């Protein structure tokens, strides 16, 4: 199986089918999905029961590309949600904590240590969201 995937990613083959054997009830199909520059970006895999017809390679490519479009759309939606909702809520919570800390200090009351711990946790979470966002917006080679 690893050799098959290596051949797909190397561009050696356009379509590879492993026929069912004595122990396999499925035909396994692998095909490369090329990026705009011509290199192989993904390897698609399909399995069909031996009693079902296998679609043409062009149909499988369309199915794989459609699946990738759905995945990319969901990634973008998740990224927007994390940035527009989660990160904004965490930022406003952090600001509110800072205002409360300043108000307590103005009254001569020292804020509890756990307030600083919560502030650090918020900052760490925001940094993770920013790193995730950066990874999602970095173009794939």
C-alpha atoms as a PDB file:
ATOM      1  CA  UNK A   1       0.000   0.000   0.000  1.00  0.00           C
ATOM      2  CA  UNK A   2       2.805   2.448   0.860  1.00  0.00           C
ATOM      3  CA  UNK A   3       4.454   1.823  -2.500  1.00  0.00           C
ATOM      4  CA  UNK A   4       1.159   2.608  -4.222  1.00  0.00           C
ATOM      5  CA  UNK A   5       0.829   5.918  -2.406  1.00  0.00           C
ATOM      6  CA  UNK A   6       4.471   6.735  -3.178  1.00  0.00           C
ATOM      7  CA  UNK A   7       3.822   6.118  -6.899  1.00  0.00           C
ATOM      8  CA  UNK A   8       0.750   8.367  -6.780  1.00  0.00           C
ATOM      9  CA  UNK A   9       2.597  11.249  -5.090  1.00  0.00           C
ATOM     10  CA  UNK A  10       5.621  10.889  -7.349  1.00  0.00           C
ATOM     11  CA  UNK A  11       3.388  11.323 -10.394  1.00  0.00           C
ATOM     12  CA  UNK A  12       4.398   7.926 -11.808  1.00  0.00           C
ATOM     13  CA  UNK A  13       0.803   6.891 -12.324  1.00  0.00           C
ATOM     14  CA  UNK A  14      -2.475   8.640 -13.095  1.00  0.00           C
ATOM     15  CA  UNK A  15      -4.707   5.897 -11.731  1.00  0.00           C
ATOM     16  CA  UNK A  16      -3.939   2.772  -9.764  1.00  0.00           C
ATOM     17  CA  UNK A  17      -6.367  -0.015  -9.059  1.00  0.00           C
ATOM     18  CA  UNK A  18      -5.787  -2.967  -6.768  1.00  0.00           C
ATOM     19  CA  UNK A  19      -8.156  -5.747  -7.813  1.00  0.00           C
ATOM     20  CA  UNK A  20      -9.919  -7.769  -5.154  1.00  0.00           C
ATOM     21  CA  UNK A  21      -8.076 -10.839  -3.981  1.00  0.00           C
ATOM     22  CA  UNK A  22      -8.918 -13.971  -2.083  1.00  0.00           C
ATOM     23  CA  UNK A  23      -8.975 -11.980   1.165  1.00  0.00           C
ATOM     24  CA  UNK A  24     -10.298  -8.656  -0.181  1.00  0.00           C
ATOM     25  CA  UNK A  25     -13.890  -7.929  -1.108  1.00  0.00           C
ATOM     26  CA  UNK A  26     -13.108  -4.482  -2.515  1.00  0.00           C
ATOM     27  CA  UNK A  27     -11.309  -2.950  -5.434  1.00  0.00           C
ATOM     28  CA  UNK A  28      -9.055  -0.182  -4.115  1.00  0.00           C
ATOM     29  CA  UNK A  29      -8.431   2.808  -6.361  1.00  0.00           C
ATOM     30  CA  UNK A  30      -5.886   5.579  -5.862  1.00  0.00           C
ATOM     31  CA  UNK A  31      -5.389   8.613  -8.021  1.00  0.00           C
ATOM     32  CA  UNK A  32      -3.376  11.804  -7.748  1.00  0.00           C
ATOM     33  CA  UNK A  33      -4.994  15.203  -7.375  1.00  0.00           C
ATOM     34  CA  UNK A  34      -2.751  17.793  -8.986  1.00  0.00           C
ATOM     35  CA  UNK A  35      -2.266  21.360  -7.830  1.00  0.00           C
ATOM     36  CA  UNK A  36      -2.287  24.231 -10.292  1.00  0.00           C
ATOM     37  CA  UNK A  37       1.515  24.055 -10.666  1.00  0.00           C
ATOM     38  CA  UNK A  38       1.295  20.468 -11.854  1.00  0.00           C
ATOM     39  CA  UNK A  39       2.611  18.700  -8.755  1.00  0.00           C
ATOM     40  CA  UNK A  40       0.579  16.199  -6.793  1.00  0.00           C
ATOM     41  CA  UNK A  41      -1.117  17.881  -3.832  1.00  0.00           C
ATOM     42  CA  UNK A  42      -3.319  15.023  -2.612  1.00  0.00           C
ATOM     43  CA  UNK A  43      -3.907  11.335  -3.174  1.00  0.00           C
ATOM     44  CA  UNK A  44      -7.534  10.273  -3.407  1.00  0.00           C
ATOM     45  CA  UNK A  45      -8.600   6.794  -2.477  1.00  0.00           C
ATOM     46  CA  UNK A  46     -11.793   4.896  -3.201  1.00  0.00           C
ATOM     47  CA  UNK A  47     -13.015   1.407  -2.407  1.00  0.00           C
ATOM     48  CA  UNK A  48     -15.693  -0.414  -4.405  1.00  0.00           C
ATOM     49  CA  UNK A  49     -17.239  -3.752  -3.604  1.00  0.00           C
ATOM     50  CA  UNK A  50     -16.341  -6.394  -6.163  1.00  0.00           C
ATOM     51  CA  UNK A  51     -19.963  -6.704  -7.263  1.00  0.00           C
ATOM     52  CA  UNK A  52     -20.240  -2.992  -8.139  1.00  0.00           C
ATOM     53  CA  UNK A  53     -18.928  -1.260 -11.253  1.00  0.00           C
ATOM     54  CA  UNK A  54     -15.997   1.111 -10.821  1.00  0.00           C
ATOM     55  CA  UNK A  55     -16.542   4.617 -12.252  1.00  0.00           C
ATOM     56  CA  UNK A  56     -14.172   6.041 -14.823  1.00  0.00           C
ATOM     57  CA  UNK A  57     -11.047   7.807 -13.578  1.00  0.00           C
ATOM     58  CA  UNK A  58     -12.434  11.184 -14.699  1.00  0.00           C
ATOM     59  CA  UNK A  59     -15.552  10.661 -12.557  1.00  0.00           C
ATOM     60  CA  UNK A  60     -13.442   9.711  -9.558  1.00  0.00           C
ATOM     61  CA  UNK A  61     -11.274  12.801 -10.057  1.00  0.00           C
ATOM     62  CA  UNK A  62     -14.398  14.988 -10.067  1.00  0.00           C
ATOM     63  CA  UNK A  63     -15.640  13.299  -6.892  1.00  0.00           C
ATOM     64  CA  UNK A  64     -12.280  13.833  -5.192  1.00  0.00           C
ATOM     65  CA  UNK A  65     -12.110  17.490  -6.280  1.00  0.00           C
ATOM     66  CA  UNK A  66     -15.652  18.059  -5.038  1.00  0.00           C
ATOM     67  CA  UNK A  67     -14.741  16.552  -1.677  1.00  0.00           C
ATOM     68  CA  UNK A  68     -11.667  18.777  -1.447  1.00  0.00           C
ATOM     69  CA  UNK A  69     -13.795  21.846  -2.199  1.00  0.00           C
ATOM     70  CA  UNK A  70     -16.144  20.934   0.646  1.00  0.00           C
ATOM     71  CA  UNK A  71     -13.199  20.397   3.007  1.00  0.00           C
ATOM     72  CA  UNK A  72     -11.653  23.752   2.046  1.00  0.00           C
ATOM     73  CA  UNK A  73     -14.990  25.545   2.501  1.00  0.00           C
ATOM     74  CA  UNK A  74     -15.387  23.986   5.962  1.00  0.00           C
ATOM     75  CA  UNK A  75     -11.838  24.976   6.891  1.00  0.00           C
ATOM     76  CA  UNK A  76     -12.529  28.560   5.866  1.00  0.00           C
ATOM     77  CA  UNK A  77     -15.812  28.564   7.792  1.00  0.00           C
ATOM     78  CA  UNK A  78     -14.132  27.182  10.903  1.00  0.00           C
ATOM     79  CA  UNK A  79     -11.301  29.703  10.598  1.00  0.00           C
ATOM     80  CA  UNK A  80     -13.791  32.605  10.339  1.00  0.00           C
ATOM     81  CA  UNK A  81     -15.711  31.316  13.359  1.00  0.00           C
ATOM     82  CA  UNK A  82     -12.555  30.988  15.439  1.00  0.00           C
ATOM     83  CA  UNK A  83     -11.424  34.474  14.489  1.00  0.00           C
ATOM     84  CA  UNK A  84     -14.717  36.353  14.374  1.00  0.00           C
ATOM     85  CA  UNK A  85     -16.444  34.729  17.335  1.00  0.00           C
ATOM     86  CA  UNK A  86     -14.088  32.853  19.635  1.00  0.00           C
ATOM     87  CA  UNK A  87     -11.065  35.167  19.434  1.00  0.00           C
ATOM     88  CA  UNK A  88     -13.225  38.270  19.760  1.00  0.00           C
ATOM     89  CA  UNK A  89     -14.982  36.849  22.847  1.00  0.00           C
ATOM     90  CA  UNK A  90     -11.664  35.921  24.431  1.00  0.00           C
ATOM     91  CA  UNK A  91     -10.244  39.362  23.674  1.00  0.00           C
ATOM     92  CA  UNK A  92     -13.216  41.139  25.216  1.00  0.00           C
ATOM     93  CA  UNK A  93     -13.028  38.870  28.273  1.00  0.00           C
ATOM     94  CA  UNK A  94      -9.336  39.687  28.647  1.00  0.00           C
ATOM     95  CA  UNK A  95     -10.065  43.405  28.397  1.00  0.00           C
ATOM     96  CA  UNK A  96     -12.812  43.121  30.987  1.00  0.00           C
ATOM     97  CA  UNK A  97     -10.443  41.305  33.361  1.00  0.00           C
ATOM     98  CA  UNK A  98      -7.846  44.029  32.864  1.00  0.00           C
ATOM     99  CA  UNK A  99     -10.419  46.761  33.607  1.00  0.00           C
ATOM    100  CA  UNK A 100     -11.489  44.976  36.770  1.00  0.00           C
ATOM    101  CA  UNK A 101      -7.848  44.600  37.829  1.00  0.00           C
ATOM    102  CA  UNK A 102      -7.280  48.340  37.315  1.00  0.00           C
ATOM    103  CA  UNK A 103     -10.460  49.198  39.250  1.00  0.00           C
ATOM    104  CA  UNK A 104      -9.404  46.970  42.152  1.00  0.00           C
ATOM    105  CA  UNK A 105      -5.941  48.540  42.222  1.00  0.00           C
ATOM    106  CA  UNK A 106      -7.504  52.020  42.217  1.00  0.00           C
ATOM    107  CA  UNK A 107      -9.455  50.963  45.307  1.00  0.00           C
ATOM    108  CA  UNK A 108      -6.259  49.716  46.926  1.00  0.00           C
ATOM    109  CA  UNK A 109      -7.209  46.037  46.601  1.00  0.00           C
ATOM    110  CA  UNK A 110      -4.688  43.593  45.165  1.00  0.00           C
ATOM    111  CA  UNK A 111      -6.326  41.320  42.539  1.00  0.00           C
ATOM    112  CA  UNK A 112      -6.055  37.585  43.279  1.00  0.00           C
ATOM    113  CA  UNK A 113      -3.288  35.571  41.610  1.00  0.00           C
ATOM    114  CA  UNK A 114      -5.845  33.413  39.819  1.00  0.00           C
ATOM    115  CA  UNK A 115      -6.963  36.482  37.860  1.00  0.00           C
ATOM    116  CA  UNK A 116      -3.449  36.658  36.372  1.00  0.00           C
ATOM    117  CA  UNK A 117      -3.592  32.918  35.664  1.00  0.00           C
ATOM    118  CA  UNK A 118      -6.880  33.373  33.811  1.00  0.00           C
ATOM    119  CA  UNK A 119      -5.389  36.299  31.861  1.00  0.00           C
ATOM    120  CA  UNK A 120      -2.385  34.155  30.840  1.00  0.00           C
ATOM    121  CA  UNK A 121      -4.669  31.300  29.793  1.00  0.00           C
ATOM    122  CA  UNK A 122      -6.690  33.684  27.638  1.00  0.00           C
ATOM    123  CA  UNK A 123      -3.531  35.017  25.990  1.00  0.00           C
ATOM    124  CA  UNK A 124      -2.241  31.496  25.322  1.00  0.00           C
ATOM    125  CA  UNK A 125      -5.545  30.479  23.767  1.00  0.00           C
ATOM    126  CA  UNK A 126      -5.575  33.592  21.580  1.00  0.00           C
ATOM    127  CA  UNK A 127      -2.033  32.840  20.442  1.00  0.00           C
ATOM    128  CA  UNK A 128      -3.078  29.313  19.493  1.00  0.00           C
ATOM    129  CA  UNK A 129      -5.991  30.661  17.481  1.00  0.00           C
ATOM    130  CA  UNK A 130      -3.658  33.110  15.717  1.00  0.00           C
ATOM    131  CA  UNK A 131      -1.203  30.310  14.901  1.00  0.00           C
ATOM    132  CA  UNK A 132      -4.056  28.154  13.596  1.00  0.00           C
ATOM    133  CA  UNK A 133      -5.289  31.066  11.475  1.00  0.00           C
ATOM    134  CA  UNK A 134      -1.776  31.623  10.084  1.00  0.00           C
ATOM    135  CA  UNK A 135      -1.511  27.928   9.187  1.00  0.00           C
ATOM    136  CA  UNK A 136      -4.884  28.017   7.430  1.00  0.00           C
ATOM    137  CA  UNK A 137      -4.075  31.104   5.392  1.00  0.00           C
ATOM    138  CA  UNK A 138      -0.587  29.996   4.338  1.00  0.00           C
ATOM    139  CA  UNK A 139      -0.826  28.741   0.749  1.00  0.00           C
ATOM    140  CA  UNK A 140       0.018  25.092   0.227  1.00  0.00           C
ATOM    141  CA  UNK A 141       3.056  24.455  -2.005  1.00  0.00           C
END
